[in-house]
Amino acid sequence: TYFGTDFIYETMESLRFKVGPKSFYQTNTAQAYELYKVARNFAKLTGEELVYDLYTGTGTIANFVAHQAKKVIGIEYVPEAIEDAKVNSQINGIDNTLFYAGDMKDILNQDFIETHGRPDVIITDPPRAGMHNDVINTILFAAPERIVYVSCNPATQARDLQSLDAAYRVVAVQPVDMFPQTHHVENVVLLERR
């Protein structure tokens, strides 16, 4: 940093999010709000659910849904993003979130689920490469009632949905146009356990 702070604040509804240079945050912030509203609606939270937010970044989705959940656990590879996620919970007065940094396939395993509890809902927003097979297998082991899959790459999302198909059925699909006049969309899929 040569001048000023090394972070910015973004606002969504009544929430403020600190975003640092190594943290992920959607670049089209107006559409990010629409995207996260779709994800929150698909999650159908009543206030009693344990939610896992996979690939949580700065905890945007985790904090966005926290008021409608009993507890939210976020996991992200980038330690600096997890530090921002914790700060984002603090500055918004949210006390029902937990965040863990590390490689998803190493952190999210059967021991993690047995320690923290089986999630009622999993929200996953992986990078363009999609989810590792180990992550998919752990999700199948966890057997949440609902999975909300947010993706910036419909091709890898389709591959992952195929892997989940034996145990989950697609109930709803909603694309969100994040970059108008380009072929890029974010696609949100709701899956329910068969």
Protein backbone atom coordinates (compact mmCIF):
# COMPACT_ATOMS: atom_id res chain seq x y z
CA THR A 1 0.00 0.00 0.00
CA TYR A 2 1.50 3.32 -1.08
CA PHE A 3 -1.38 5.53 -0.03
CA GLY A 4 -4.63 5.09 1.84
CA THR A 5 -6.07 1.87 3.19
CA ASP A 6 -5.49 -1.61 1.81
CA PHE A 7 -9.19 -2.48 1.77
CA ILE A 8 -12.58 -1.15 0.69
CA TYR A 9 -16.05 -1.48 2.16
CA GLU A 10 -19.04 -2.69 0.17
CA THR A 11 -22.63 -2.47 1.42
CA MET A 12 -25.46 -4.93 0.81
CA GLU A 13 -28.83 -4.44 2.51
CA SER A 14 -27.86 -3.35 6.04
CA LEU A 15 -24.53 -5.22 5.95
CA ARG A 16 -21.04 -3.80 5.42
CA PHE A 17 -18.28 -5.97 3.98
CA LYS A 18 -14.57 -5.32 4.30
CA VAL A 19 -12.81 -6.51 1.14
CA GLY A 20 -9.03 -6.77 1.01
CA PRO A 21 -6.77 -7.30 -2.03
CA LYS A 22 -6.61 -11.09 -1.57
CA SER A 23 -10.32 -11.48 -0.87
CA PHE A 24 -12.95 -12.44 -3.41
CA TYR A 25 -15.98 -10.22 -3.88
CA GLN A 26 -18.26 -10.06 -6.92
CA THR A 27 -17.17 -7.18 -9.17
CA ASN A 28 -20.69 -6.29 -10.29
CA THR A 29 -21.94 -5.37 -6.83
CA ALA A 30 -25.51 -4.48 -7.87
CA GLN A 31 -25.99 -7.87 -9.51
CA ALA A 32 -24.16 -9.59 -6.63
CA TYR A 33 -27.03 -8.45 -4.41
CA GLU A 34 -29.54 -10.02 -6.84
CA LEU A 35 -27.43 -13.19 -6.96
CA TYR A 36 -27.26 -13.52 -3.19
CA LYS A 37 -31.00 -12.87 -2.84
CA VAL A 38 -31.64 -15.81 -5.20
CA ALA A 39 -29.29 -18.01 -3.18
CA ARG A 40 -30.93 -16.98 0.11
CA ASN A 41 -34.44 -17.62 -1.28
CA PHE A 42 -33.40 -21.03 -2.62
CA ALA A 43 -31.98 -21.96 0.82
CA LYS A 44 -35.49 -21.61 2.36
CA LEU A 45 -34.12 -20.83 5.81
CA THR A 46 -36.42 -20.70 8.84
CA GLY A 47 -33.89 -19.78 11.53
CA GLU A 48 -33.35 -23.35 12.72
CA GLU A 49 -30.82 -24.55 10.14
CA LEU A 50 -27.12 -25.31 10.33
CA VAL A 51 -25.71 -23.95 7.06
CA TYR A 52 -22.32 -24.71 5.52
CA ASP A 53 -21.10 -22.01 3.13
CA LEU A 54 -18.40 -23.57 0.96
CA TYR A 55 -15.86 -21.32 -0.80
CA THR A 56 -17.10 -18.47 1.39
CA GLY A 57 -14.56 -15.84 0.30
CA THR A 58 -15.01 -12.82 2.59
CA GLY A 59 -18.06 -14.49 4.13
CA THR A 60 -20.47 -12.52 1.99
CA ILE A 61 -23.08 -15.25 1.58
CA ALA A 62 -22.49 -16.60 5.10
CA ASN A 63 -23.14 -13.21 6.66
CA PHE A 64 -25.96 -12.45 4.21
CA VAL A 65 -27.94 -15.52 5.34
CA ALA A 66 -26.84 -15.60 9.01
CA HIS A 67 -29.90 -13.77 10.35
CA GLN A 68 -32.15 -16.47 8.85
CA ALA A 69 -30.08 -19.43 10.11
CA LYS A 70 -29.26 -20.97 13.47
CA LYS A 71 -25.54 -21.19 12.62
CA VAL A 72 -23.40 -20.72 9.50
CA ILE A 73 -19.98 -22.29 8.97
CA GLY A 74 -17.86 -20.87 6.14
CA ILE A 75 -14.81 -22.51 4.58
CA GLU A 76 -12.35 -20.81 2.22
CA TYR A 77 -8.85 -21.50 0.89
CA VAL A 78 -7.46 -17.96 1.26
CA PRO A 79 -6.55 -17.16 4.92
CA GLU A 80 -6.74 -13.39 4.35
CA ALA A 81 -10.30 -13.76 3.04
CA ILE A 82 -11.26 -15.73 6.17
CA GLU A 83 -9.81 -12.97 8.35
CA ASP A 84 -12.02 -10.50 6.44
CA ALA A 85 -15.01 -12.86 6.87
CA LYS A 86 -14.52 -12.85 10.65
CA VAL A 87 -14.21 -9.05 10.66
CA ASN A 88 -17.35 -8.81 8.52
CA SER A 89 -19.30 -10.81 11.11
CA GLN A 90 -17.97 -8.58 13.89
CA ILE A 91 -18.71 -5.24 12.21
CA ASN A 92 -22.25 -6.42 11.44
CA GLY A 93 -22.92 -7.76 14.94
CA ILE A 94 -23.31 -11.33 13.69
CA ASP A 95 -22.39 -13.95 16.29
CA ASN A 96 -23.64 -17.20 14.75
CA THR A 97 -20.87 -17.70 12.16
CA LEU A 98 -17.66 -19.73 12.25
CA PHE A 99 -14.98 -19.57 9.57
CA TYR A 100 -12.19 -21.97 8.63
CA ALA A 101 -9.28 -21.45 6.23
CA GLY A 102 -7.76 -24.26 4.18
CA ASP A 103 -8.11 -26.41 1.11
CA MET A 104 -11.77 -27.44 0.86
CA LYS A 105 -11.03 -31.11 0.21
CA ASP A 106 -8.79 -31.23 3.29
CA ILE A 107 -11.00 -29.24 5.69
CA LEU A 108 -14.44 -30.54 4.68
CA ASN A 109 -14.30 -34.21 5.58
CA GLN A 110 -16.27 -36.70 7.66
CA ASP A 111 -14.45 -35.71 10.87
CA PHE A 112 -15.34 -32.03 10.28
CA ILE A 113 -19.02 -32.95 9.86
CA GLU A 114 -19.03 -35.17 12.94
CA THR A 115 -17.42 -32.34 14.95
CA HIS A 116 -19.61 -29.46 13.71
CA GLY A 117 -22.83 -31.30 12.86
CA ARG A 118 -24.61 -32.38 9.72
CA PRO A 119 -25.72 -29.32 7.77
CA ASP A 120 -29.36 -28.83 6.91
CA VAL A 121 -28.34 -26.67 3.93
CA ILE A 122 -25.10 -26.39 1.99
CA ILE A 123 -24.45 -23.31 -0.11
CA THR A 124 -21.52 -23.77 -2.44
CA ASP A 125 -19.94 -21.17 -4.73
CA PRO A 126 -16.79 -22.82 -6.09
CA PRO A 127 -14.23 -21.33 -8.49
CA ARG A 128 -14.48 -21.92 -12.25
CA ALA A 129 -12.95 -25.40 -11.91
CA GLY A 130 -15.96 -26.55 -9.87
CA MET A 131 -15.79 -28.90 -6.91
CA HIS A 132 -13.20 -31.61 -6.29
CA ASN A 133 -14.59 -35.17 -6.19
CA ASP A 134 -13.60 -35.47 -2.52
CA VAL A 135 -15.76 -32.42 -1.74
CA ILE A 136 -18.71 -33.90 -3.64
CA ASN A 137 -18.31 -37.20 -1.78
CA THR A 138 -18.27 -35.39 1.56
CA ILE A 139 -21.40 -33.44 0.60
CA LEU A 140 -23.08 -36.75 -0.21
CA PHE A 141 -21.95 -38.11 3.18
CA ALA A 142 -23.30 -34.98 4.94
CA ALA A 143 -26.67 -35.48 3.21
CA PRO A 144 -28.13 -31.98 3.69
CA GLU A 145 -31.80 -31.49 2.85
CA ARG A 146 -30.94 -28.77 0.33
CA ILE A 147 -27.91 -27.70 -1.68
CA VAL A 148 -27.72 -24.26 -3.26
CA TYR A 149 -25.04 -24.35 -5.95
CA VAL A 150 -23.86 -20.97 -7.24
CA SER A 151 -21.56 -21.19 -10.25
CA CYS A 152 -19.72 -18.90 -12.64
CA ASN A 153 -19.09 -21.85 -14.98
CA PRO A 154 -22.20 -23.75 -16.08
CA ALA A 155 -20.04 -26.50 -17.67
CA THR A 156 -18.34 -27.55 -14.43
CA GLN A 157 -21.59 -26.98 -12.55
CA ALA A 158 -23.33 -29.47 -14.89
CA ARG A 159 -20.52 -31.98 -14.29
CA ASP A 160 -20.88 -31.63 -10.51
CA LEU A 161 -24.68 -31.85 -10.67
CA GLN A 162 -24.31 -35.13 -12.53
CA SER A 163 -22.18 -36.44 -9.65
CA LEU A 164 -24.85 -35.39 -7.14
CA ASP A 165 -27.76 -36.73 -9.21
CA ALA A 166 -28.09 -40.11 -7.51
CA ALA A 167 -28.96 -38.46 -4.19
CA TYR A 168 -30.29 -35.02 -5.25
CA ARG A 169 -32.78 -33.72 -7.76
CA VAL A 170 -32.67 -30.30 -9.38
CA VAL A 171 -35.69 -28.29 -8.23
CA ALA A 172 -34.95 -24.80 -9.56
CA VAL A 173 -32.43 -23.02 -11.79
CA GLN A 174 -31.92 -19.24 -11.95
CA PRO A 175 -29.19 -17.59 -14.03
CA VAL A 176 -28.08 -14.08 -13.03
CA ASP A 177 -26.53 -11.87 -15.71
CA MET A 178 -23.40 -10.60 -13.96
CA PHE A 179 -21.68 -9.17 -17.05
CA PRO A 180 -24.24 -7.84 -19.54
CA GLN A 181 -23.30 -8.07 -23.22
CA THR A 182 -20.98 -11.04 -22.51
CA HIS A 183 -21.59 -14.78 -22.37
CA HIS A 184 -20.79 -14.89 -18.62
CA VAL A 185 -23.57 -15.67 -16.17
CA GLU A 186 -23.77 -16.83 -12.58
CA ASN A 187 -26.09 -19.79 -12.35
CA VAL A 188 -27.88 -20.77 -9.15
CA VAL A 189 -29.31 -24.27 -8.79
CA LEU A 190 -31.43 -25.59 -5.95
CA LEU A 191 -31.09 -29.29 -5.25
CA GLU A 192 -33.22 -31.27 -2.81
CA ARG A 193 -32.43 -34.68 -1.41
CA ARG A 194 -34.28 -37.50 -3.18
